[in-house]
Amino acid sequence: LLSSYTFAAALAGVFATYFVDRFERRVLLLSLYACFIIATLVCGLAPD
């Protein structure tokens, strides 16, 4: 359960190398942060 977070973060970091230097930083940061908030909220609602 702990490593699901870290392994996903590791894979996402590799994937991010494709686009992190291609987008305007502010838009990318705010968009990713909004998605992070939704995912964290879903963690609290998870039934099992």
ModelCIF file with pLDDT and N, C-alpha, C, O atoms, coordinates in Angstrom:
data_MODEL
#
_entry.id   MODEL 
#
_entity.id                         1 
_entity.type                       polymer 
_entity.pdbx_number_of_molecules   1 
#
_entity_poly.entity_id                      1 
_entity_poly.type                           'polypeptide(L)' 
_entity_poly.nstd_linkage                   no 
_entity_poly.nstd_monomer                   no 
_entity_poly.pdbx_seq_one_letter_code       LLSSYTFAAALAGVFATYFVDRFERRVLLLSLYACFIIATLVCGLAPD 
_entity_poly.pdbx_seq_one_letter_code_can   LLSSYTFAAALAGVFATYFVDRFERRVLLLSLYACFIIATLVCGLAPD 
_entity_poly.pdbx_strand_id                 A 
#
loop_
_entity_poly_seq.entity_id 
_entity_poly_seq.num 
_entity_poly_seq.mon_id 
_entity_poly_seq.hetero 
1 1  LEU n 
1 2  LEU n 
1 3  SER n 
1 4  SER n 
1 5  TYR n 
1 6  THR n 
1 7  PHE n 
1 8  ALA n 
1 9  ALA n 
1 10 ALA n 
1 11 LEU n 
1 12 ALA n 
1 13 GLY n 
1 14 VAL n 
1 15 PHE n 
1 16 ALA n 
1 17 THR n 
1 18 TYR n 
1 19 PHE n 
1 20 VAL n 
1 21 ASP n 
1 22 ARG n 
1 23 PHE n 
1 24 GLU n 
1 25 ARG n 
1 26 ARG n 
1 27 VAL n 
1 28 LEU n 
1 29 LEU n 
1 30 LEU n 
1 31 SER n 
1 32 LEU n 
1 33 TYR n 
1 34 ALA n 
1 35 CYS n 
1 36 PHE n 
1 37 ILE n 
1 38 ILE n 
1 39 ALA n 
1 40 THR n 
1 41 LEU n 
1 42 VAL n 
1 43 CYS n 
1 44 GLY n 
1 45 LEU n 
1 46 ALA n 
1 47 PRO n 
1 48 ASP n 
#
_struct_asym.id          A 
_struct_asym.entity_id   1 
#
loop_
_ma_qa_metric.id 
_ma_qa_metric.mode 
_ma_qa_metric.name 
_ma_qa_metric.software_group_id 
_ma_qa_metric.type 
1 global pLDDT . pLDDT 
2 local  pLDDT . pLDDT 
#
_ma_qa_metric_global.metric_id      1 
_ma_qa_metric_global.metric_value   87.88 
_ma_qa_metric_global.model_id       1 
_ma_qa_metric_global.ordinal_id     1 
#
loop_
_ma_qa_metric_local.label_asym_id 
_ma_qa_metric_local.label_comp_id 
_ma_qa_metric_local.label_seq_id 
_ma_qa_metric_local.metric_id 
_ma_qa_metric_local.metric_value 
_ma_qa_metric_local.model_id 
_ma_qa_metric_local.ordinal_id 
A LEU 1  2 88.00 1 1  
A LEU 2  2 83.00 1 2  
A SER 3  2 84.00 1 3  
A SER 4  2 90.00 1 4  
A TYR 5  2 89.00 1 5  
A THR 6  2 84.00 1 6  
A PHE 7  2 86.00 1 7  
A ALA 8  2 91.00 1 8  
A ALA 9  2 89.00 1 9  
A ALA 10 2 87.00 1 10 
A LEU 11 2 89.00 1 11 
A ALA 12 2 89.00 1 12 
A GLY 13 2 85.00 1 13 
A VAL 14 2 84.00 1 14 
A PHE 15 2 83.00 1 15 
A ALA 16 2 83.00 1 16 
A THR 17 2 79.00 1 17 
A TYR 18 2 76.00 1 18 
A PHE 19 2 75.00 1 19 
A VAL 20 2 72.00 1 20 
A ASP 21 2 70.00 1 21 
A ARG 22 2 72.00 1 22 
A PHE 23 2 77.00 1 23 
A GLU 24 2 79.00 1 24 
A ARG 25 2 81.00 1 25 
A ARG 26 2 88.00 1 26 
A VAL 27 2 89.00 1 27 
A LEU 28 2 89.00 1 28 
A LEU 29 2 91.00 1 29 
A LEU 30 2 94.00 1 30 
A SER 31 2 94.00 1 31 
A LEU 32 2 94.00 1 32 
A TYR 33 2 96.00 1 33 
A ALA 34 2 97.00 1 34 
A CYS 35 2 96.00 1 35 
A PHE 36 2 97.00 1 36 
A ILE 37 2 97.00 1 37 
A ILE 38 2 97.00 1 38 
A ALA 39 2 96.00 1 39 
A THR 40 2 96.00 1 40 
A LEU 41 2 96.00 1 41 
A VAL 42 2 96.00 1 42 
A CYS 43 2 94.00 1 43 
A GLY 44 2 93.00 1 44 
A LEU 45 2 94.00 1 45 
A ALA 46 2 91.00 1 46 
A PRO 47 2 89.00 1 47 
A ASP 48 2 89.00 1 48 
#
loop_
_atom_site.group_PDB 
_atom_site.id 
_atom_site.type_symbol 
_atom_site.label_atom_id 
_atom_site.label_alt_id 
_atom_site.label_comp_id 
_atom_site.label_asym_id 
_atom_site.label_entity_id 
_atom_site.label_seq_id 
_atom_site.pdbx_PDB_ins_code 
_atom_site.Cartn_x 
_atom_site.Cartn_y 
_atom_site.Cartn_z 
_atom_site.occupancy 
_atom_site.B_iso_or_equiv 
_atom_site.pdbx_formal_charge 
_atom_site.auth_seq_id 
_atom_site.auth_comp_id 
_atom_site.auth_asym_id 
_atom_site.auth_atom_id 
_atom_site.pdbx_PDB_model_num 
ATOM 1   N N  . LEU A 1 1  ? 0.839   -1.207 0.000   1.00 88.00 ? 1  LEU A N  1 
ATOM 2   C CA . LEU A 1 1  ? 0.000   0.000  0.000   1.00 88.00 ? 1  LEU A CA 1 
ATOM 3   C C  . LEU A 1 1  ? 0.872   1.255  0.000   1.00 88.00 ? 1  LEU A C  1 
ATOM 4   O O  . LEU A 1 1  ? 0.590   2.221  -0.709  1.00 88.00 ? 1  LEU A O  1 
ATOM 5   N N  . LEU A 1 2  ? 1.941   1.224  0.812   1.00 83.00 ? 2  LEU A N  1 
ATOM 6   C CA . LEU A 1 2  ? 2.895   2.335  0.826   1.00 83.00 ? 2  LEU A CA 1 
ATOM 7   C C  . LEU A 1 2  ? 3.585   2.483  -0.530  1.00 83.00 ? 2  LEU A C  1 
ATOM 8   O O  . LEU A 1 2  ? 3.737   3.589  -1.048  1.00 83.00 ? 2  LEU A O  1 
ATOM 9   N N  . SER A 1 3  ? 4.000   1.346  -1.094  1.00 84.00 ? 3  SER A N  1 
ATOM 10  C CA . SER A 1 3  ? 4.798   1.389  -2.316  1.00 84.00 ? 3  SER A CA 1 
ATOM 11  C C  . SER A 1 3  ? 3.963   1.691  -3.557  1.00 84.00 ? 3  SER A C  1 
ATOM 12  O O  . SER A 1 3  ? 4.516   2.083  -4.585  1.00 84.00 ? 3  SER A O  1 
ATOM 13  N N  . SER A 1 4  ? 2.629   1.514  -3.482  1.00 90.00 ? 4  SER A N  1 
ATOM 14  C CA . SER A 1 4  ? 1.789   1.876  -4.637  1.00 90.00 ? 4  SER A CA 1 
ATOM 15  C C  . SER A 1 4  ? 1.963   3.360  -4.949  1.00 90.00 ? 4  SER A C  1 
ATOM 16  O O  . SER A 1 4  ? 1.954   3.768  -6.111  1.00 90.00 ? 4  SER A O  1 
ATOM 17  N N  . TYR A 1 5  ? 2.124   4.167  -3.887  1.00 89.00 ? 5  TYR A N  1 
ATOM 18  C CA . TYR A 1 5  ? 2.346   5.616  -4.046  1.00 89.00 ? 5  TYR A CA 1 
ATOM 19  C C  . TYR A 1 5  ? 3.723   5.870  -4.666  1.00 89.00 ? 5  TYR A C  1 
ATOM 20  O O  . TYR A 1 5  ? 3.857   6.629  -5.625  1.00 89.00 ? 5  TYR A O  1 
ATOM 21  N N  . THR A 1 6  ? 4.742   5.217  -4.096  1.00 84.00 ? 6  THR A N  1 
ATOM 22  C CA . THR A 1 6  ? 6.110   5.517  -4.526  1.00 84.00 ? 6  THR A CA 1 
ATOM 23  C C  . THR A 1 6  ? 6.433   4.961  -5.912  1.00 84.00 ? 6  THR A C  1 
ATOM 24  O O  . THR A 1 6  ? 7.116   5.619  -6.697  1.00 84.00 ? 6  THR A O  1 
ATOM 25  N N  . PHE A 1 7  ? 5.947   3.754  -6.220  1.00 86.00 ? 7  PHE A N  1 
ATOM 26  C CA . PHE A 1 7  ? 6.211   3.191  -7.551  1.00 86.00 ? 7  PHE A CA 1 
ATOM 27  C C  . PHE A 1 7  ? 5.499   3.996  -8.637  1.00 86.00 ? 7  PHE A C  1 
ATOM 28  O O  . PHE A 1 7  ? 6.051   4.232  -9.711  1.00 86.00 ? 7  PHE A O  1 
ATOM 29  N N  . ALA A 1 8  ? 4.257   4.419  -8.342  1.00 91.00 ? 8  ALA A N  1 
ATOM 30  C CA . ALA A 1 8  ? 3.516   5.250  -9.301  1.00 91.00 ? 8  ALA A CA 1 
ATOM 31  C C  . ALA A 1 8  ? 4.231   6.584  -9.507  1.00 91.00 ? 8  ALA A C  1 
ATOM 32  O O  . ALA A 1 8  ? 4.300   7.093  -10.625 1.00 91.00 ? 8  ALA A O  1 
ATOM 33  N N  . ALA A 1 9  ? 4.769   7.151  -8.407  1.00 89.00 ? 9  ALA A N  1 
ATOM 34  C CA . ALA A 1 9  ? 5.520   8.408  -8.496  1.00 89.00 ? 9  ALA A CA 1 
ATOM 35  C C  . ALA A 1 9  ? 6.774   8.239  -9.339  1.00 89.00 ? 9  ALA A C  1 
ATOM 36  O O  . ALA A 1 9  ? 7.133   9.122  -10.118 1.00 89.00 ? 9  ALA A O  1 
ATOM 37  N N  . ALA A 1 10 ? 7.439   7.097  -9.177  1.00 87.00 ? 10 ALA A N  1 
ATOM 38  C CA . ALA A 1 10 ? 8.663   6.814  -9.947  1.00 87.00 ? 10 ALA A CA 1 
ATOM 39  C C  . ALA A 1 10 ? 8.359   6.711  -11.438 1.00 87.00 ? 10 ALA A C  1 
ATOM 40  O O  . ALA A 1 10 ? 9.059   7.304  -12.259 1.00 87.00 ? 10 ALA A O  1 
ATOM 41  N N  . LEU A 1 11 ? 7.315   5.959  -11.789 1.00 89.00 ? 11 LEU A N  1 
ATOM 42  C CA . LEU A 1 11 ? 6.927   5.812  -13.203 1.00 89.00 ? 11 LEU A CA 1 
ATOM 43  C C  . LEU A 1 11 ? 6.488   7.144  -13.793 1.00 89.00 ? 11 LEU A C  1 
ATOM 44  O O  . LEU A 1 11 ? 6.838   7.481  -14.924 1.00 89.00 ? 11 LEU A O  1 
ATOM 45  N N  . ALA A 1 12 ? 5.716   7.897  -13.012 1.00 89.00 ? 12 ALA A N  1 
ATOM 46  C CA . ALA A 1 12 ? 5.237   9.203  -13.487 1.00 89.00 ? 12 ALA A CA 1 
ATOM 47  C C  . ALA A 1 12 ? 6.397   10.165 -13.717 1.00 89.00 ? 12 ALA A C  1 
ATOM 48  O O  . ALA A 1 12 ? 6.371   10.966 -14.651 1.00 89.00 ? 12 ALA A O  1 
ATOM 49  N N  . GLY A 1 13 ? 7.423   10.081 -12.853 1.00 85.00 ? 13 GLY A N  1 
ATOM 50  C CA . GLY A 1 13 ? 8.604   10.929 -13.012 1.00 85.00 ? 13 GLY A CA 1 
ATOM 51  C C  . GLY A 1 13 ? 9.334   10.653 -14.314 1.00 85.00 ? 13 GLY A C  1 
ATOM 52  O O  . GLY A 1 13 ? 9.796   11.577 -14.983 1.00 85.00 ? 13 GLY A O  1 
ATOM 53  N N  . VAL A 1 14 ? 9.436   9.367  -14.675 1.00 84.00 ? 14 VAL A N  1 
ATOM 54  C CA . VAL A 1 14 ? 10.058  8.998  -15.955 1.00 84.00 ? 14 VAL A CA 1 
ATOM 55  C C  . VAL A 1 14 ? 9.201   9.503  -17.116 1.00 84.00 ? 14 VAL A C  1 
ATOM 56  O O  . VAL A 1 14 ? 9.721   10.059 -18.083 1.00 84.00 ? 14 VAL A O  1 
ATOM 57  N N  . PHE A 1 15 ? 7.902   9.309  -17.016 1.00 83.00 ? 15 PHE A N  1 
ATOM 58  C CA . PHE A 1 15 ? 6.973   9.773  -18.053 1.00 83.00 ? 15 PHE A CA 1 
ATOM 59  C C  . PHE A 1 15 ? 7.034   11.300 -18.190 1.00 83.00 ? 15 PHE A C  1 
ATOM 60  O O  . PHE A 1 15 ? 6.936   11.841 -19.292 1.00 83.00 ? 15 PHE A O  1 
ATOM 61  N N  . ALA A 1 16 ? 7.197   11.984 -17.046 1.00 83.00 ? 16 ALA A N  1 
ATOM 62  C CA . ALA A 1 16 ? 7.230   13.458 -17.045 1.00 83.00 ? 16 ALA A CA 1 
ATOM 63  C C  . ALA A 1 16 ? 8.418   14.016 -17.815 1.00 83.00 ? 16 ALA A C  1 
ATOM 64  O O  . ALA A 1 16 ? 8.362   15.152 -18.287 1.00 83.00 ? 16 ALA A O  1 
ATOM 65  N N  . THR A 1 17 ? 9.497   13.238 -17.953 1.00 79.00 ? 17 THR A N  1 
ATOM 66  C CA . THR A 1 17 ? 10.667  13.736 -18.685 1.00 79.00 ? 17 THR A CA 1 
ATOM 67  C C  . THR A 1 17 ? 10.312  14.060 -20.143 1.00 79.00 ? 17 THR A C  1 
ATOM 68  O O  . THR A 1 17 ? 10.988  14.860 -20.790 1.00 79.00 ? 17 THR A O  1 
ATOM 69  N N  . TYR A 1 18 ? 9.248   13.430 -20.650 1.00 76.00 ? 18 TYR A N  1 
ATOM 70  C CA . TYR A 1 18 ? 8.820   13.688 -22.026 1.00 76.00 ? 18 TYR A CA 1 
ATOM 71  C C  . TYR A 1 18 ? 8.209   15.077 -22.193 1.00 76.00 ? 18 TYR A C  1 
ATOM 72  O O  . TYR A 1 18 ? 8.355   15.706 -23.242 1.00 76.00 ? 18 TYR A O  1 
ATOM 73  N N  . PHE A 1 19 ? 7.518   15.555 -21.145 1.00 75.00 ? 19 PHE A N  1 
ATOM 74  C CA . PHE A 1 19 ? 6.758   16.802 -21.333 1.00 75.00 ? 19 PHE A CA 1 
ATOM 75  C C  . PHE A 1 19 ? 7.092   17.934 -20.360 1.00 75.00 ? 19 PHE A C  1 
ATOM 76  O O  . PHE A 1 19 ? 6.657   19.067 -20.568 1.00 75.00 ? 19 PHE A O  1 
ATOM 77  N N  . VAL A 1 20 ? 7.870   17.644 -19.286 1.00 72.00 ? 20 VAL A N  1 
ATOM 78  C CA . VAL A 1 20 ? 8.067   18.654 -18.247 1.00 72.00 ? 20 VAL A CA 1 
ATOM 79  C C  . VAL A 1 20 ? 8.750   19.920 -18.772 1.00 72.00 ? 20 VAL A C  1 
ATOM 80  O O  . VAL A 1 20 ? 8.472   21.017 -18.287 1.00 72.00 ? 20 VAL A O  1 
ATOM 81  N N  . ASP A 1 21 ? 9.633   19.777 -19.751 1.00 70.00 ? 21 ASP A N  1 
ATOM 82  C CA . ASP A 1 21 ? 10.315  20.952 -20.312 1.00 70.00 ? 21 ASP A CA 1 
ATOM 83  C C  . ASP A 1 21 ? 9.617   21.497 -21.566 1.00 70.00 ? 21 ASP A C  1 
ATOM 84  O O  . ASP A 1 21 ? 10.132  22.409 -22.213 1.00 70.00 ? 21 ASP A O  1 
ATOM 85  N N  . ARG A 1 22 ? 8.448   20.941 -21.908 1.00 72.00 ? 22 ARG A N  1 
ATOM 86  C CA . ARG A 1 22 ? 7.745   21.339 -23.133 1.00 72.00 ? 22 ARG A CA 1 
ATOM 87  C C  . ARG A 1 22 ? 6.538   22.232 -22.867 1.00 72.00 ? 22 ARG A C  1 
ATOM 88  O O  . ARG A 1 22 ? 6.008   22.851 -23.790 1.00 72.00 ? 22 ARG A O  1 
ATOM 89  N N  . PHE A 1 23 ? 6.092   22.302 -21.589 1.00 77.00 ? 23 PHE A N  1 
ATOM 90  C CA . PHE A 1 23 ? 4.906   23.087 -21.245 1.00 77.00 ? 23 PHE A CA 1 
ATOM 91  C C  . PHE A 1 23 ? 5.282   24.271 -20.370 1.00 77.00 ? 23 PHE A C  1 
ATOM 92  O O  . PHE A 1 23 ? 6.308   24.267 -19.688 1.00 77.00 ? 23 PHE A O  1 
ATOM 93  N N  . GLU A 1 24 ? 4.432   25.276 -20.407 1.00 79.00 ? 24 GLU A N  1 
ATOM 94  C CA . GLU A 1 24 ? 4.599   26.429 -19.507 1.00 79.00 ? 24 GLU A CA 1 
ATOM 95  C C  . GLU A 1 24 ? 4.445   25.913 -18.071 1.00 79.00 ? 24 GLU A C  1 
ATOM 96  O O  . GLU A 1 24 ? 3.489   25.204 -17.758 1.00 79.00 ? 24 GLU A O  1 
ATOM 97  N N  . ARG A 1 25 ? 5.399   26.276 -17.202 1.00 81.00 ? 25 ARG A N  1 
ATOM 98  C CA . ARG A 1 25 ? 5.499   25.668 -15.876 1.00 81.00 ? 25 ARG A CA 1 
ATOM 99  C C  . ARG A 1 25 ? 4.252   25.886 -15.005 1.00 81.00 ? 25 ARG A C  1 
ATOM 100 O O  . ARG A 1 25 ? 3.800   24.954 -14.339 1.00 81.00 ? 25 ARG A O  1 
ATOM 101 N N  . ARG A 1 26 ? 3.693   27.098 -15.003 1.00 88.00 ? 26 ARG A N  1 
ATOM 102 C CA . ARG A 1 26 ? 2.573   27.419 -14.114 1.00 88.00 ? 26 ARG A CA 1 
ATOM 103 C C  . ARG A 1 26 ? 1.346   26.566 -14.417 1.00 88.00 ? 26 ARG A C  1 
ATOM 104 O O  . ARG A 1 26 ? 0.746   25.994 -13.506 1.00 88.00 ? 26 ARG A O  1 
ATOM 105 N N  . VAL A 1 27 ? 0.972   26.479 -15.690 1.00 89.00 ? 27 VAL A N  1 
ATOM 106 C CA . VAL A 1 27 ? -0.206  25.708 -16.111 1.00 89.00 ? 27 VAL A CA 1 
ATOM 107 C C  . VAL A 1 27 ? -0.027  24.237 -15.742 1.00 89.00 ? 27 VAL A C  1 
ATOM 108 O O  . VAL A 1 27 ? -0.954  23.596 -15.246 1.00 89.00 ? 27 VAL A O  1 
ATOM 109 N N  . LEU A 1 28 ? 1.173   23.708 -15.988 1.00 89.00 ? 28 LEU A N  1 
ATOM 110 C CA . LEU A 1 28 ? 1.461   22.307 -15.699 1.00 89.00 ? 28 LEU A CA 1 
ATOM 111 C C  . LEU A 1 28 ? 1.353   22.038 -14.199 1.00 89.00 ? 28 LEU A C  1 
ATOM 112 O O  . LEU A 1 28 ? 0.754   21.049 -13.778 1.00 89.00 ? 28 LEU A O  1 
ATOM 113 N N  . LEU A 1 29 ? 1.942   22.931 -13.398 1.00 91.00 ? 29 LEU A N  1 
ATOM 114 C CA . LEU A 1 29 ? 1.934   22.764 -11.941 1.00 91.00 ? 29 LEU A CA 1 
ATOM 115 C C  . LEU A 1 29 ? 0.509   22.782 -11.388 1.00 91.00 ? 29 LEU A C  1 
ATOM 116 O O  . LEU A 1 29 ? 0.130   21.892 -10.627 1.00 91.00 ? 29 LEU A O  1 
ATOM 117 N N  . LEU A 1 30 ? -0.282  23.788 -11.765 1.00 94.00 ? 30 LEU A N  1 
ATOM 118 C CA . LEU A 1 30 ? -1.638  23.916 -11.243 1.00 94.00 ? 30 LEU A CA 1 
ATOM 119 C C  . LEU A 1 30 ? -2.527  22.753 -11.679 1.00 94.00 ? 30 LEU A C  1 
ATOM 120 O O  . LEU A 1 30 ? -3.348  22.275 -10.896 1.00 94.00 ? 30 LEU A O  1 
ATOM 121 N N  . SER A 1 31 ? -2.370  22.295 -12.923 1.00 94.00 ? 31 SER A N  1 
ATOM 122 C CA . SER A 1 31 ? -3.168  21.166 -13.428 1.00 94.00 ? 31 SER A CA 1 
ATOM 123 C C  . SER A 1 31 ? -2.855  19.880 -12.670 1.00 94.00 ? 31 SER A C  1 
ATOM 124 O O  . SER A 1 31 ? -3.759  19.150 -12.264 1.00 94.00 ? 31 SER A O  1 
ATOM 125 N N  . LEU A 1 32 ? -1.560  19.612 -12.483 1.00 94.00 ? 32 LEU A N  1 
ATOM 126 C CA . LEU A 1 32 ? -1.147  18.407 -11.760 1.00 94.00 ? 32 LEU A CA 1 
ATOM 127 C C  . LEU A 1 32 ? -1.602  18.451 -10.309 1.00 94.00 ? 32 LEU A C  1 
ATOM 128 O O  . LEU A 1 32 ? -2.001  17.433 -9.745  1.00 94.00 ? 32 LEU A O  1 
ATOM 129 N N  . TYR A 1 33 ? -1.540  19.636 -9.709  1.00 96.00 ? 33 TYR A N  1 
ATOM 130 C CA . TYR A 1 33 ? -1.926  19.776 -8.299  1.00 96.00 ? 33 TYR A CA 1 
ATOM 131 C C  . TYR A 1 33 ? -3.424  19.549 -8.108  1.00 96.00 ? 33 TYR A C  1 
ATOM 132 O O  . TYR A 1 33 ? -3.842  18.939 -7.125  1.00 96.00 ? 33 TYR A O  1 
ATOM 133 N N  . ALA A 1 34 ? -4.229  20.039 -9.047  1.00 97.00 ? 34 ALA A N  1 
ATOM 134 C CA . ALA A 1 34 ? -5.683  19.819 -8.995  1.00 97.00 ? 34 ALA A CA 1 
ATOM 135 C C  . ALA A 1 34 ? -5.991  18.318 -9.080  1.00 97.00 ? 34 ALA A C  1 
ATOM 136 O O  . ALA A 1 34 ? -6.862  17.822 -8.367  1.00 97.00 ? 34 ALA A O  1 
ATOM 137 N N  . CYS A 1 35 ? -5.284  17.606 -9.943  1.00 96.00 ? 35 CYS A N  1 
ATOM 138 C CA . CYS A 1 35 ? -5.466  16.149 -10.079 1.00 96.00 ? 35 CYS A CA 1 
ATOM 139 C C  . CYS A 1 35 ? -5.042  15.423 -8.804  1.00 96.00 ? 35 CYS A C  1 
ATOM 140 O O  . CYS A 1 35 ? -5.672  14.449 -8.392  1.00 96.00 ? 35 CYS A O  1 
ATOM 141 N N  . PHE A 1 36 ? -3.960  15.913 -8.184  1.00 97.00 ? 36 PHE A N  1 
ATOM 142 C CA . PHE A 1 36 ? -3.481  15.335 -6.927  1.00 97.00 ? 36 PHE A CA 1 
ATOM 143 C C  . PHE A 1 36 ? -4.545  15.475 -5.826  1.00 97.00 ? 36 PHE A C  1 
ATOM 144 O O  . PHE A 1 36 ? -4.775  14.538 -5.062  1.00 97.00 ? 36 PHE A O  1 
ATOM 145 N N  . ILE A 1 37 ? -5.186  16.639 -5.750  1.00 97.00 ? 37 ILE A N  1 
ATOM 146 C CA . ILE A 1 37 ? -6.224  16.888 -4.728  1.00 97.00 ? 37 ILE A CA 1 
ATOM 147 C C  . ILE A 1 37 ? -7.388  15.913 -4.901  1.00 97.00 ? 37 ILE A C  1 
ATOM 148 O O  . ILE A 1 37 ? -7.889  15.349 -3.927  1.00 97.00 ? 37 ILE A O  1 
ATOM 149 N N  . ILE A 1 38 ? -7.813  15.721 -6.156  1.00 97.00 ? 38 ILE A N  1 
ATOM 150 C CA . ILE A 1 38 ? -8.926  14.796 -6.441  1.00 97.00 ? 38 ILE A CA 1 
ATOM 151 C C  . ILE A 1 38 ? -8.550  13.370 -6.023  1.00 97.00 ? 38 ILE A C  1 
ATOM 152 O O  . ILE A 1 38 ? -9.346  12.672 -5.396  1.00 97.00 ? 38 ILE A O  1 
ATOM 153 N N  . ALA A 1 39 ? -7.327  12.944 -6.374  1.00 96.00 ? 39 ALA A N  1 
ATOM 154 C CA . ALA A 1 39 ? -6.873  11.590 -6.030  1.00 96.00 ? 39 ALA A CA 1 
ATOM 155 C C  . ALA A 1 39 ? -6.822  11.384 -4.515  1.00 96.00 ? 39 ALA A C  1 
ATOM 156 O O  . ALA A 1 39 ? -7.176  10.314 -4.020  1.00 96.00 ? 39 ALA A O  1 
ATOM 157 N N  . THR A 1 40 ? -6.379  12.414 -3.776  1.00 96.00 ? 40 THR A N  1 
ATOM 158 C CA . THR A 1 40 ? -6.303  12.316 -2.311  1.00 96.00 ? 40 THR A CA 1 
ATOM 159 C C  . THR A 1 40 ? -7.697  12.230 -1.698  1.00 96.00 ? 40 THR A C  1 
ATOM 160 O O  . THR A 1 40 ? -7.915  11.490 -0.739  1.00 96.00 ? 40 THR A O  1 
ATOM 161 N N  . LEU A 1 41 ? -8.630  12.983 -2.250  1.00 96.00 ? 41 LEU A N  1 
ATOM 162 C CA . LEU A 1 41 ? -10.024 12.935 -1.794  1.00 96.00 ? 41 LEU A CA 1 
ATOM 163 C C  . LEU A 1 41 ? -10.610 11.531 -2.007  1.00 96.00 ? 41 LEU A C  1 
ATOM 164 O O  . LEU A 1 41 ? -11.323 11.011 -1.148  1.00 96.00 ? 41 LEU A O  1 
ATOM 165 N N  . VAL A 1 42 ? -10.301 10.930 -3.159  1.00 96.00 ? 42 VAL A N  1 
ATOM 166 C CA . VAL A 1 42 ? -10.767 9.568  -3.467  1.00 96.00 ? 42 VAL A CA 1 
ATOM 167 C C  . VAL A 1 42 ? -10.182 8.554  -2.477  1.00 96.00 ? 42 VAL A C  1 
ATOM 168 O O  . VAL A 1 42 ? -10.845 7.576  -2.129  1.00 96.00 ? 42 VAL A O  1 
ATOM 169 N N  . CYS A 1 43 ? -8.923  8.786  -2.015  1.00 94.00 ? 43 CYS A N  1 
ATOM 170 C CA . CYS A 1 43 ? -8.321  7.908  -0.995  1.00 94.00 ? 43 CYS A CA 1 
ATOM 171 C C  . CYS A 1 43 ? -9.197  7.872  0.264   1.00 94.00 ? 43 CYS A C  1 
ATOM 172 O O  . CYS A 1 43 ? -9.432  6.815  0.850   1.00 94.00 ? 43 CYS A O  1 
ATOM 173 N N  . GLY A 1 44 ? -9.670  9.056  0.659   1.00 93.00 ? 44 GLY A N  1 
ATOM 174 C CA . GLY A 1 44 ? -10.525 9.139  1.846   1.00 93.00 ? 44 GLY A CA 1 
ATOM 175 C C  . GLY A 1 44 ? -11.872 8.477  1.666   1.00 93.00 ? 44 GLY A C  1 
ATOM 176 O O  . GLY A 1 44 ? -12.494 8.058  2.641   1.00 93.00 ? 44 GLY A O  1 
ATOM 177 N N  . LEU A 1 45 ? -12.331 8.378  0.425   1.00 94.00 ? 45 LEU A N  1 
ATOM 178 C CA . LEU A 1 45 ? -13.638 7.786  0.121   1.00 94.00 ? 45 LEU A CA 1 
ATOM 179 C C  . LEU A 1 45 ? -13.550 6.297  -0.211  1.00 94.00 ? 45 LEU A C  1 
ATOM 180 O O  . LEU A 1 45 ? -14.577 5.634  -0.358  1.00 94.00 ? 45 LEU A O  1 
ATOM 181 N N  . ALA A 1 46 ? -12.322 5.765  -0.332  1.00 91.00 ? 46 ALA A N  1 
ATOM 182 C CA . ALA A 1 46 ? -12.123 4.372  -0.767  1.00 91.00 ? 46 ALA A CA 1 
ATOM 183 C C  . ALA A 1 46 ? -12.833 3.389  0.171   1.00 91.00 ? 46 ALA A C  1 
ATOM 184 O O  . ALA A 1 46 ? -12.645 3.454  1.386   1.00 91.00 ? 46 ALA A O  1 
ATOM 185 N N  . PRO A 1 47 ? -13.651 2.473  -0.385  1.00 89.00 ? 47 PRO A N  1 
ATOM 186 C CA . PRO A 1 47 ? -14.411 1.540  0.464   1.00 89.00 ? 47 PRO A CA 1 
ATOM 187 C C  . PRO A 1 47 ? -13.609 0.333  0.955   1.00 89.00 ? 47 PRO A C  1 
ATOM 188 O O  . PRO A 1 47 ? -13.969 -0.272 1.965   1.00 89.00 ? 47 PRO A O  1 
ATOM 189 N N  . ASP A 1 48 ? -12.511 -0.031 0.247   1.00 89.00 ? 48 ASP A N  1 
ATOM 190 C CA . ASP A 1 48 ? -11.761 -1.226 0.639   1.00 89.00 ? 48 ASP A CA 1 
ATOM 191 C C  . ASP A 1 48 ? -10.286 -1.085 0.265   1.00 89.00 ? 48 ASP A C  1 
ATOM 192 O O  . ASP A 1 48 ? -9.496  -1.994 0.517   1.00 89.00 ? 48 ASP A O  1 
#
